[in-house]
Amino acid sequence: MQERYARVWGRVQADLVSLSDNSTLIVAERAAHNIQVDEPELIAKTVTEMCAKVWAADRGRRS
């Protein structure tokens, strides 16, 4: 049952990512419910990368 749940969960997550052409699926494999506590480095890295993309896009619009 747990394997089936994992497969369905994976498909649902992939479906969510496909709703946007500017999205990324990131799985916090070592985290439980509190990702910010279990994998703070992943949160920091992901937010930093997202901010860099937003700033780069903004600079592109201003040029």
C-alpha atoms as a PDB file:
ATOM      1  CA  MET A   1       0.000   0.000   0.000  1.00  0.00           C
ATOM      2  CA  GLN A   2       2.824   2.406   0.835  1.00  0.00           C
ATOM      3  CA  GLU A   3       4.454   1.847  -2.572  1.00  0.00           C
ATOM      4  CA  ARG A   4       1.172   2.612  -4.319  1.00  0.00           C
ATOM      5  CA  TYR A   5       0.750   5.777  -2.258  1.00  0.00           C
ATOM      6  CA  ALA A   6       4.281   6.886  -3.174  1.00  0.00           C
ATOM      7  CA  ARG A   7       3.602   6.313  -6.900  1.00  0.00           C
ATOM      8  CA  VAL A   8       0.327   8.231  -6.793  1.00  0.00           C
ATOM      9  CA  TRP A   9       1.916  11.050  -4.771  1.00  0.00           C
ATOM     10  CA  GLY A  10       4.728  11.278  -7.329  1.00  0.00           C
ATOM     11  CA  ARG A  11       2.266  11.518 -10.220  1.00  0.00           C
ATOM     12  CA  VAL A  12       0.226  14.183  -8.453  1.00  0.00           C
ATOM     13  CA  GLN A  13       3.360  16.221  -7.753  1.00  0.00           C
ATOM     14  CA  ALA A  14       4.457  15.911 -11.392  1.00  0.00           C
ATOM     15  CA  ASP A  15       0.995  17.053 -12.487  1.00  0.00           C
ATOM     16  CA  LEU A  16       1.263  20.117 -10.254  1.00  0.00           C
ATOM     17  CA  VAL A  17       4.661  21.022 -11.684  1.00  0.00           C
ATOM     18  CA  SER A  18       3.314  20.717 -15.213  1.00  0.00           C
ATOM     19  CA  LEU A  19       0.714  23.432 -14.540  1.00  0.00           C
ATOM     20  CA  SER A  20       3.417  26.062 -15.019  1.00  0.00           C
ATOM     21  CA  ASP A  21       6.212  26.343 -17.550  1.00  0.00           C
ATOM     22  CA  ASN A  22       8.324  28.023 -14.864  1.00  0.00           C
ATOM     23  CA  SER A  23       8.307  25.519 -12.025  1.00  0.00           C
ATOM     24  CA  THR A  24      10.593  22.999 -10.408  1.00  0.00           C
ATOM     25  CA  LEU A  25       9.812  20.000  -8.250  1.00  0.00           C
ATOM     26  CA  ILE A  26      12.139  19.832  -5.267  1.00  0.00           C
ATOM     27  CA  VAL A  27      11.886  16.850  -2.936  1.00  0.00           C
ATOM     28  CA  ALA A  28      13.213  17.214   0.588  1.00  0.00           C
ATOM     29  CA  GLU A  29      14.154  13.580   1.000  1.00  0.00           C
ATOM     30  CA  ARG A  30      15.483  13.857   4.562  1.00  0.00           C
ATOM     31  CA  ALA A  31      12.596  15.953   5.877  1.00  0.00           C
ATOM     32  CA  ALA A  32       9.329  15.116   7.533  1.00  0.00           C
ATOM     33  CA  HIS A  33       6.575  17.717   7.799  1.00  0.00           C
ATOM     34  CA  ASN A  34       8.783  20.626   8.953  1.00  0.00           C
ATOM     35  CA  ILE A  35      11.134  21.004   6.019  1.00  0.00           C
ATOM     36  CA  GLN A  36      12.533  24.284   7.354  1.00  0.00           C
ATOM     37  CA  VAL A  37      13.665  22.472  10.506  1.00  0.00           C
ATOM     38  CA  ASP A  38      14.804  19.203   8.929  1.00  0.00           C
ATOM     39  CA  GLU A  39      16.559  20.635   5.857  1.00  0.00           C
ATOM     40  CA  PRO A  40      17.173  24.361   6.357  1.00  0.00           C
ATOM     41  CA  GLU A  41      20.054  24.332   3.862  1.00  0.00           C
ATOM     42  CA  LEU A  42      17.677  23.147   1.138  1.00  0.00           C
ATOM     43  CA  ILE A  43      15.267  25.979   1.925  1.00  0.00           C
ATOM     44  CA  ALA A  44      18.056  28.586   1.896  1.00  0.00           C
ATOM     45  CA  LYS A  45      19.512  27.282  -1.373  1.00  0.00           C
ATOM     46  CA  THR A  46      16.117  27.120  -3.083  1.00  0.00           C
ATOM     47  CA  VAL A  47      15.018  30.597  -1.981  1.00  0.00           C
ATOM     48  CA  THR A  48      18.384  32.063  -3.025  1.00  0.00           C
ATOM     49  CA  GLU A  49      18.089  30.468  -6.473  1.00  0.00           C
ATOM     50  CA  MET A  50      14.513  31.692  -6.863  1.00  0.00           C
ATOM     51  CA  CYS A  51      15.476  35.247  -5.908  1.00  0.00           C
ATOM     52  CA  ALA A  52      18.343  35.198  -8.402  1.00  0.00           C
ATOM     53  CA  LYS A  53      15.942  34.144 -11.177  1.00  0.00           C
ATOM     54  CA  VAL A  54      13.449  36.858 -10.252  1.00  0.00           C
ATOM     55  CA  TRP A  55      16.158  39.538 -10.128  1.00  0.00           C
ATOM     56  CA  ALA A  56      17.594  38.392 -13.472  1.00  0.00           C
ATOM     57  CA  ALA A  57      14.149  38.494 -15.082  1.00  0.00           C
ATOM     58  CA  ASP A  58      13.506  41.950 -13.634  1.00  0.00           C
ATOM     59  CA  ARG A  59      16.841  43.247 -14.981  1.00  0.00           C
ATOM     60  CA  GLY A  60      15.920  41.811 -18.383  1.00  0.00           C
ATOM     61  CA  ARG A  61      12.657  43.763 -18.423  1.00  0.00           C
ATOM     62  CA  ARG A  62      14.372  47.009 -17.451  1.00  0.00           C
ATOM     63  CA  SER A  63      17.006  46.791 -20.191  1.00  0.00           C
END
